[in-house]
């Protein structure tokens, strides 16, 4: 009698484990991570390297910006939420994508720019003040005519 009870318990346990594994396999792609966040001064862009899981590499990402606030120093601060256009895609494969965000018309500067994801990932980068038309180029970047 005791052996039959253990056999039934083992069978039920295998069924529960199989169901749990199936649920994990079919889970949506909730894991989005920014593996690198940098500022490219030459192009005046934020560069986000994004790692995510899904069934296809066609995910598109954008940033929903919150209100710009002033920090205690001369900088501003802004928080952006990284949004995936396929949040319910099944997490079957790992993919990476690079997102470039043009900051030419970004008025919240100089700023600490923070990006977060819906899963709680959080990273920041400092963005300098925008160059004005009258500002001089940094040393070594001026275009000069060659002598004749």
N, C-alpha and C. Protein backbone atom coordinates (compact mmCIF):
# COMPACT_ATOMS: atom_id res chain seq x y z
N UNK A 1 0.82 -1.20 0.00
CA UNK A 1 0.00 0.00 0.00
C UNK A 1 0.86 1.26 0.00
N UNK A 2 1.90 1.23 0.79
CA UNK A 2 2.77 2.39 0.89
C UNK A 2 3.49 2.66 -0.43
N UNK A 3 3.90 1.63 -1.16
CA UNK A 3 4.57 1.76 -2.45
C UNK A 3 3.64 2.38 -3.49
N UNK A 4 2.38 2.02 -3.48
CA UNK A 4 1.40 2.57 -4.42
C UNK A 4 1.19 4.06 -4.16
N UNK A 5 1.17 4.46 -2.90
CA UNK A 5 1.01 5.88 -2.54
C UNK A 5 2.22 6.69 -3.01
N UNK A 6 3.40 6.16 -2.82
CA UNK A 6 4.61 6.86 -3.28
C UNK A 6 4.64 6.96 -4.80
N UNK A 7 4.20 5.95 -5.49
CA UNK A 7 4.17 5.97 -6.96
C UNK A 7 3.19 7.05 -7.45
N UNK A 8 2.01 7.12 -6.80
CA UNK A 8 1.05 8.16 -7.19
C UNK A 8 1.60 9.56 -6.90
N UNK A 9 2.25 9.73 -5.77
CA UNK A 9 2.85 11.02 -5.42
C UNK A 9 3.92 11.41 -6.43
N UNK A 10 4.76 10.47 -6.82
CA UNK A 10 5.81 10.76 -7.80
C UNK A 10 5.19 11.14 -9.14
N UNK A 11 4.13 10.45 -9.56
CA UNK A 11 3.47 10.77 -10.83
C UNK A 11 2.88 12.17 -10.80
N UNK A 12 2.21 12.53 -9.71
CA UNK A 12 1.63 13.87 -9.58
C UNK A 12 2.72 14.94 -9.56
N UNK A 13 3.82 14.64 -8.90
CA UNK A 13 4.93 15.59 -8.85
C UNK A 13 5.50 15.82 -10.25
N UNK A 14 5.63 14.77 -11.05
CA UNK A 14 6.13 14.91 -12.43
C UNK A 14 5.19 15.76 -13.26
N UNK A 15 3.89 15.57 -13.06
CA UNK A 15 2.90 16.37 -13.81
C UNK A 15 3.03 17.84 -13.43
N UNK A 16 3.15 18.14 -12.13
CA UNK A 16 3.29 19.53 -11.69
C UNK A 16 4.57 20.16 -12.23
N UNK A 17 5.66 19.44 -12.21
CA UNK A 17 6.93 19.95 -12.74
C UNK A 17 6.81 20.23 -14.23
N UNK A 18 6.16 19.33 -14.97
CA UNK A 18 5.99 19.52 -16.41
C UNK A 18 5.13 20.75 -16.69
N UNK A 19 4.06 20.94 -15.93
CA UNK A 19 3.20 22.12 -16.11
C UNK A 19 3.96 23.41 -15.80
N UNK A 20 4.73 23.39 -14.73
CA UNK A 20 5.51 24.57 -14.36
C UNK A 20 6.54 24.90 -15.45
N UNK A 21 7.22 23.89 -15.98
CA UNK A 21 8.20 24.11 -17.05
C UNK A 21 7.53 24.67 -18.29
N UNK A 22 6.32 24.19 -18.61
CA UNK A 22 5.59 24.70 -19.77
C UNK A 22 5.22 26.17 -19.57
N UNK A 23 4.83 26.54 -18.37
CA UNK A 23 4.52 27.94 -18.09
C UNK A 23 5.74 28.83 -18.25
N UNK A 24 6.89 28.37 -17.78
CA UNK A 24 8.11 29.15 -17.94
C UNK A 24 8.48 29.30 -19.41
N UNK A 25 8.29 28.24 -20.19
CA UNK A 25 8.64 28.28 -21.60
C UNK A 25 7.76 29.25 -22.36
N UNK A 26 6.52 29.41 -21.93
CA UNK A 26 5.57 30.27 -22.62
C UNK A 26 5.48 31.66 -22.01
N UNK A 27 6.37 32.00 -21.11
CA UNK A 27 6.32 33.29 -20.43
C UNK A 27 6.64 34.42 -21.41
N UNK A 28 6.00 35.57 -21.27
CA UNK A 28 6.30 36.71 -22.14
C UNK A 28 7.73 37.20 -21.93
N UNK A 29 8.21 37.97 -22.90
CA UNK A 29 9.58 38.49 -22.87
C UNK A 29 9.64 39.71 -21.96
N UNK A 30 9.67 39.48 -20.67
CA UNK A 30 9.68 40.58 -19.71
C UNK A 30 11.09 41.06 -19.42
N UNK A 31 12.09 40.31 -19.84
CA UNK A 31 13.47 40.66 -19.50
C UNK A 31 14.08 41.54 -20.58
N UNK A 32 14.12 42.82 -20.30
CA UNK A 32 14.78 43.78 -21.18
C UNK A 32 15.85 44.45 -20.35
N UNK A 33 17.07 44.47 -20.86
CA UNK A 33 18.18 45.06 -20.14
C UNK A 33 18.94 45.99 -21.06
N UNK A 34 19.34 47.12 -20.54
CA UNK A 34 20.23 48.02 -21.27
C UNK A 34 21.65 47.63 -20.85
N UNK A 35 22.37 46.99 -21.77
CA UNK A 35 23.72 46.51 -21.43
C UNK A 35 24.74 47.63 -21.45
N UNK A 36 24.45 48.72 -22.17
CA UNK A 36 25.33 49.90 -22.17
C UNK A 36 24.50 51.12 -22.54
N UNK A 37 24.75 52.21 -21.84
CA UNK A 37 24.14 53.50 -22.14
C UNK A 37 25.27 54.51 -22.20
N UNK A 38 25.47 55.12 -23.38
CA UNK A 38 26.55 56.08 -23.55
C UNK A 38 26.03 57.32 -24.27
N UNK A 39 26.82 58.37 -24.18
CA UNK A 39 26.55 59.60 -24.92
C UNK A 39 27.61 59.72 -26.00
N UNK A 40 27.18 59.88 -27.26
CA UNK A 40 28.09 60.08 -28.39
C UNK A 40 28.14 61.57 -28.70
N UNK A 41 29.23 62.27 -28.29
CA UNK A 41 29.29 63.72 -28.50
C UNK A 41 29.41 64.10 -29.97
N UNK A 42 30.01 63.26 -30.79
CA UNK A 42 30.16 63.57 -32.22
C UNK A 42 28.83 63.64 -32.93
N UNK A 43 27.91 62.78 -32.56
CA UNK A 43 26.59 62.74 -33.20
C UNK A 43 25.51 63.34 -32.33
N UNK A 44 25.86 63.75 -31.10
CA UNK A 44 24.92 64.29 -30.13
C UNK A 44 23.74 63.33 -29.95
N UNK A 45 24.08 62.08 -29.58
CA UNK A 45 23.07 61.05 -29.42
C UNK A 45 23.30 60.23 -28.16
N UNK A 46 22.20 59.72 -27.62
CA UNK A 46 22.29 58.65 -26.63
C UNK A 46 22.36 57.35 -27.40
N UNK A 47 23.19 56.43 -26.93
CA UNK A 47 23.31 55.12 -27.56
C UNK A 47 22.99 54.07 -26.51
N UNK A 48 21.93 53.30 -26.76
CA UNK A 48 21.50 52.25 -25.84
C UNK A 48 21.73 50.90 -26.50
N UNK A 49 22.50 50.05 -25.86
CA UNK A 49 22.62 48.66 -26.29
C UNK A 49 21.61 47.88 -25.46
N UNK A 50 20.65 47.24 -26.15
CA UNK A 50 19.53 46.59 -25.50
C UNK A 50 19.62 45.08 -25.71
N UNK A 51 19.47 44.33 -24.64
CA UNK A 51 19.37 42.87 -24.71
C UNK A 51 17.96 42.49 -24.28
N UNK A 52 17.33 41.61 -25.05
CA UNK A 52 15.97 41.20 -24.74
C UNK A 52 15.73 39.79 -25.23
N UNK A 53 14.63 39.20 -24.76
CA UNK A 53 14.25 37.85 -25.17
C UNK A 53 12.92 37.91 -25.91
N UNK A 54 12.76 37.05 -26.92
CA UNK A 54 11.53 36.99 -27.68
C UNK A 54 11.58 35.90 -28.73
N UNK A 55 10.61 35.92 -29.63
CA UNK A 55 10.58 34.94 -30.71
C UNK A 55 11.13 35.49 -32.01
N UNK A 56 11.37 36.80 -32.06
CA UNK A 56 11.83 37.41 -33.32
C UNK A 56 12.70 38.63 -33.02
N UNK A 57 13.53 39.02 -34.00
CA UNK A 57 14.41 40.18 -33.79
C UNK A 57 13.78 41.51 -34.18
N UNK A 58 12.48 41.52 -34.44
CA UNK A 58 11.81 42.71 -34.97
C UNK A 58 11.22 43.63 -33.91
N UNK A 59 11.66 43.52 -32.67
CA UNK A 59 11.15 44.41 -31.63
C UNK A 59 11.63 45.83 -31.91
N UNK A 60 10.76 46.78 -31.68
CA UNK A 60 11.10 48.20 -31.79
C UNK A 60 11.00 48.79 -30.38
N UNK A 61 11.93 49.67 -30.06
CA UNK A 61 11.96 50.27 -28.73
C UNK A 61 11.88 51.78 -28.86
N UNK A 62 11.23 52.41 -27.88
CA UNK A 62 11.24 53.87 -27.79
C UNK A 62 11.29 54.25 -26.32
N UNK A 63 11.53 55.51 -26.07
CA UNK A 63 11.64 56.01 -24.70
C UNK A 63 10.52 56.99 -24.43
N UNK A 64 9.80 56.77 -23.34
CA UNK A 64 8.78 57.71 -22.89
C UNK A 64 9.41 58.56 -21.79
N UNK A 65 9.58 59.85 -22.05
CA UNK A 65 10.28 60.75 -21.14
C UNK A 65 9.35 61.32 -20.10
N UNK A 66 9.85 61.43 -18.87
CA UNK A 66 9.13 62.12 -17.81
C UNK A 66 9.55 63.58 -17.82
N UNK A 67 9.06 64.35 -16.86
CA UNK A 67 9.36 65.78 -16.78
C UNK A 67 10.80 66.01 -16.36
N UNK A 68 11.43 66.99 -16.96
CA UNK A 68 12.80 67.39 -16.63
C UNK A 68 12.78 68.16 -15.30
N UNK A 69 13.69 67.78 -14.39
CA UNK A 69 13.77 68.46 -13.09
C UNK A 69 15.19 68.95 -12.86
N UNK A 70 15.33 69.93 -11.97
CA UNK A 70 16.64 70.50 -11.66
C UNK A 70 17.26 69.78 -10.47
N UNK A 71 18.55 69.43 -10.60
CA UNK A 71 19.30 68.86 -9.48
C UNK A 71 19.87 69.98 -8.63
N UNK A 72 20.57 69.65 -7.56
CA UNK A 72 21.16 70.66 -6.67
C UNK A 72 22.30 71.42 -7.31
N UNK A 73 22.95 70.82 -8.31
CA UNK A 73 24.03 71.54 -9.00
C UNK A 73 23.44 72.20 -10.26
N UNK A 74 24.25 72.47 -11.23
CA UNK A 74 23.79 73.16 -12.45
C UNK A 74 23.07 72.25 -13.43
N UNK A 75 23.10 70.95 -13.17
CA UNK A 75 22.51 70.00 -14.10
C UNK A 75 21.01 69.83 -13.90
N UNK A 76 20.41 69.26 -14.92
CA UNK A 76 19.01 68.85 -14.87
C UNK A 76 19.00 67.33 -14.76
N UNK A 77 17.84 66.76 -14.56
CA UNK A 77 17.70 65.31 -14.51
C UNK A 77 16.42 64.93 -15.22
N UNK A 78 16.48 63.84 -16.00
CA UNK A 78 15.29 63.35 -16.69
C UNK A 78 15.33 61.83 -16.69
N UNK A 79 14.15 61.25 -16.52
CA UNK A 79 14.01 59.80 -16.48
C UNK A 79 13.19 59.38 -17.69
N UNK A 80 13.64 58.32 -18.35
CA UNK A 80 12.91 57.78 -19.49
C UNK A 80 12.62 56.31 -19.28
N UNK A 81 11.43 55.88 -19.68
CA UNK A 81 11.04 54.48 -19.61
C UNK A 81 11.23 53.86 -20.97
N UNK A 82 12.05 52.81 -21.05
CA UNK A 82 12.28 52.09 -22.29
C UNK A 82 11.09 51.16 -22.53
N UNK A 83 10.42 51.35 -23.68
CA UNK A 83 9.21 50.61 -23.99
C UNK A 83 9.44 49.72 -25.20
N UNK A 84 9.03 48.46 -25.08
CA UNK A 84 9.11 47.46 -26.14
C UNK A 84 7.75 47.39 -26.84
N UNK A 85 7.74 47.41 -28.19
CA UNK A 85 6.47 47.36 -28.91
C UNK A 85 5.87 45.95 -28.94
N UNK A 86 6.61 44.94 -28.45
CA UNK A 86 6.10 43.57 -28.38
C UNK A 86 6.28 43.02 -26.96
N UNK A 87 5.64 43.63 -25.96
CA UNK A 87 5.88 43.22 -24.57
C UNK A 87 5.38 41.81 -24.24
N UNK A 88 4.46 41.27 -25.04
CA UNK A 88 3.90 39.95 -24.75
C UNK A 88 4.51 38.85 -25.61
N UNK A 89 5.60 39.16 -26.33
CA UNK A 89 6.27 38.15 -27.14
C UNK A 89 6.88 37.09 -26.22
N UNK A 90 6.80 35.84 -26.62
CA UNK A 90 7.31 34.76 -25.79
C UNK A 90 8.83 34.79 -25.73
N UNK A 91 9.38 34.55 -24.54
CA UNK A 91 10.83 34.64 -24.30
C UNK A 91 11.52 33.35 -24.73
N UNK A 92 11.76 33.20 -26.02
CA UNK A 92 12.36 31.96 -26.52
C UNK A 92 13.83 32.10 -26.89
N UNK A 93 14.24 33.27 -27.41
CA UNK A 93 15.62 33.48 -27.85
C UNK A 93 16.12 34.81 -27.31
N UNK A 94 17.44 34.94 -27.26
CA UNK A 94 18.05 36.21 -26.85
C UNK A 94 18.42 37.01 -28.09
N UNK A 95 18.15 38.31 -28.04
CA UNK A 95 18.46 39.22 -29.13
C UNK A 95 19.11 40.47 -28.54
N UNK A 96 19.83 41.22 -29.39
CA UNK A 96 20.38 42.51 -29.00
C UNK A 96 20.04 43.52 -30.09
N UNK A 97 19.95 44.75 -29.69
CA UNK A 97 19.64 45.83 -30.62
C UNK A 97 20.28 47.10 -30.10
N UNK A 98 20.68 47.98 -31.00
CA UNK A 98 21.24 49.28 -30.62
C UNK A 98 20.20 50.35 -30.98
N UNK A 99 19.89 51.21 -30.03
CA UNK A 99 18.95 52.30 -30.23
C UNK A 99 19.70 53.62 -30.10
N UNK A 100 19.59 54.47 -31.12
CA UNK A 100 20.21 55.80 -31.12
C UNK A 100 19.10 56.83 -30.91
N UNK A 101 19.29 57.72 -29.95
CA UNK A 101 18.32 58.77 -29.67
C UNK A 101 18.98 60.11 -29.93
N UNK A 102 18.48 60.82 -30.93
CA UNK A 102 19.04 62.12 -31.31
C UNK A 102 18.69 63.15 -30.24
N UNK A 103 19.69 63.89 -29.79
CA UNK A 103 19.49 64.89 -28.73
C UNK A 103 19.60 66.32 -29.25
N UNK A 104 19.57 66.52 -30.55
CA UNK A 104 19.74 67.84 -31.13
C UNK A 104 18.71 68.84 -30.58
N UNK A 105 17.47 68.44 -30.42
CA UNK A 105 16.42 69.32 -29.91
C UNK A 105 16.06 69.01 -28.45
N UNK A 106 16.95 68.35 -27.75
CA UNK A 106 16.72 67.94 -26.37
C UNK A 106 17.02 69.14 -25.47
N UNK A 107 16.01 69.73 -24.85
CA UNK A 107 16.20 70.96 -24.09
C UNK A 107 16.63 70.73 -22.64
N UNK A 108 16.52 69.54 -22.13
CA UNK A 108 16.86 69.24 -20.74
C UNK A 108 18.36 68.96 -20.66
N UNK A 109 19.18 70.03 -20.66
CA UNK A 109 20.64 69.89 -20.68
C UNK A 109 21.30 71.03 -19.94
N UNK A 110 22.49 70.85 -19.38
CA UNK A 110 23.17 69.57 -19.16
C UNK A 110 22.34 68.74 -18.19
N UNK A 111 22.39 67.42 -18.36
CA UNK A 111 21.48 66.59 -17.59
C UNK A 111 22.07 65.23 -17.24
N UNK A 112 21.56 64.70 -16.15
CA UNK A 112 21.77 63.30 -15.82
C UNK A 112 20.56 62.59 -16.44
N UNK A 113 20.81 61.77 -17.45
CA UNK A 113 19.74 61.07 -18.16
C UNK A 113 19.71 59.63 -17.65
N UNK A 114 18.56 59.24 -17.13
CA UNK A 114 18.39 57.89 -16.60
C UNK A 114 17.37 57.14 -17.43
N UNK A 115 17.67 55.88 -17.71
CA UNK A 115 16.77 55.01 -18.45
C UNK A 115 16.41 53.85 -17.54
N UNK A 116 15.12 53.53 -17.48
CA UNK A 116 14.69 52.37 -16.72
C UNK A 116 13.81 51.50 -17.60
N UNK A 117 13.67 50.24 -17.21
CA UNK A 117 12.80 49.32 -17.93
C UNK A 117 11.65 48.91 -17.02
N UNK A 118 10.65 48.27 -17.60
CA UNK A 118 9.50 47.85 -16.82
C UNK A 118 9.87 46.77 -15.80
N UNK A 119 11.00 46.09 -16.01
CA UNK A 119 11.43 45.06 -15.07
C UNK A 119 12.28 45.61 -13.93
N UNK A 120 12.51 46.94 -13.92
CA UNK A 120 13.24 47.55 -12.81
C UNK A 120 14.69 47.85 -13.10
N UNK A 121 15.19 47.51 -14.30
CA UNK A 121 16.57 47.84 -14.63
C UNK A 121 16.70 49.36 -14.71
N UNK A 122 17.86 49.90 -14.29
CA UNK A 122 18.05 51.34 -14.20
C UNK A 122 19.50 51.68 -14.48
N UNK A 123 19.76 52.64 -15.38
CA UNK A 123 21.12 53.10 -15.65
C UNK A 123 21.08 54.57 -16.04
N UNK A 124 22.21 55.27 -15.86
CA UNK A 124 22.26 56.71 -16.11
C UNK A 124 23.54 57.10 -16.85
N UNK A 125 23.48 58.26 -17.50
CA UNK A 125 24.64 58.83 -18.17
C UNK A 125 24.50 60.36 -18.10
N UNK A 126 25.63 61.06 -18.03
CA UNK A 126 25.62 62.52 -18.04
C UNK A 126 25.68 63.02 -19.47
N UNK A 127 24.82 63.97 -19.79
CA UNK A 127 24.78 64.60 -21.11
C UNK A 127 25.16 66.06 -20.93
N UNK A 128 26.18 66.55 -21.67
CA UNK A 128 26.60 67.94 -21.50
C UNK A 128 25.62 68.93 -22.12
N UNK A 129 25.87 70.20 -21.85
CA UNK A 129 25.06 71.25 -22.45
C UNK A 129 25.21 71.20 -23.96
N UNK A 130 24.16 71.62 -24.66
CA UNK A 130 24.20 71.63 -26.12
C UNK A 130 25.17 72.69 -26.61
N UNK A 131 25.83 72.39 -27.71
CA UNK A 131 26.70 73.39 -28.34
C UNK A 131 25.83 74.43 -29.02
N UNK A 132 26.21 75.67 -28.84
CA UNK A 132 25.48 76.73 -29.52
C UNK A 132 26.18 77.02 -30.84
N UNK A 133 25.49 77.68 -31.74
CA UNK A 133 26.07 77.95 -33.05
C UNK A 133 27.33 78.79 -32.95
N UNK A 134 27.42 79.62 -31.93
CA UNK A 134 28.58 80.48 -31.78
C UNK A 134 29.72 79.85 -31.00
N UNK A 135 29.49 78.64 -30.48
CA UNK A 135 30.54 78.04 -29.66
C UNK A 135 31.66 77.52 -30.54
N UNK A 136 32.84 77.54 -29.98
CA UNK A 136 33.99 77.06 -30.75
C UNK A 136 34.06 75.56 -30.71
N UNK A 137 34.68 74.98 -31.73
CA UNK A 137 34.85 73.54 -31.78
C UNK A 137 35.92 73.13 -30.80
N UNK A 138 35.85 71.90 -30.29
CA UNK A 138 36.91 71.46 -29.39
C UNK A 138 38.23 71.37 -30.13
N UNK A 139 39.35 71.48 -29.41
CA UNK A 139 40.65 71.43 -30.07
C UNK A 139 40.80 70.16 -30.89
N UNK A 140 41.40 70.31 -32.06
CA UNK A 140 41.65 69.16 -32.92
C UNK A 140 40.49 68.80 -33.82
N UNK A 141 39.35 69.52 -33.73
CA UNK A 141 38.23 69.17 -34.57
C UNK A 141 37.91 70.24 -35.61
N UNK A 142 38.71 71.29 -35.66
CA UNK A 142 38.47 72.34 -36.64
C UNK A 142 38.83 71.88 -38.04
N UNK A 143 38.06 72.33 -39.02
CA UNK A 143 38.38 72.04 -40.40
C UNK A 143 39.25 73.18 -40.91
N UNK A 144 40.39 72.84 -41.45
CA UNK A 144 41.30 73.88 -41.97
C UNK A 144 41.64 73.58 -43.42
N UNK A 145 41.86 74.60 -44.15
CA UNK A 145 42.27 74.42 -45.54
C UNK A 145 43.75 74.08 -45.59
N UNK A 146 44.08 73.15 -46.47
CA UNK A 146 45.49 72.81 -46.64
C UNK A 146 46.18 73.92 -47.39
N UNK A 147 47.48 74.14 -47.10
CA UNK A 147 48.21 75.19 -47.83
C UNK A 147 48.34 74.83 -49.30
N UNK A 148 48.39 75.87 -50.13
CA UNK A 148 48.53 75.64 -51.58
C UNK A 148 49.91 75.25 -51.96
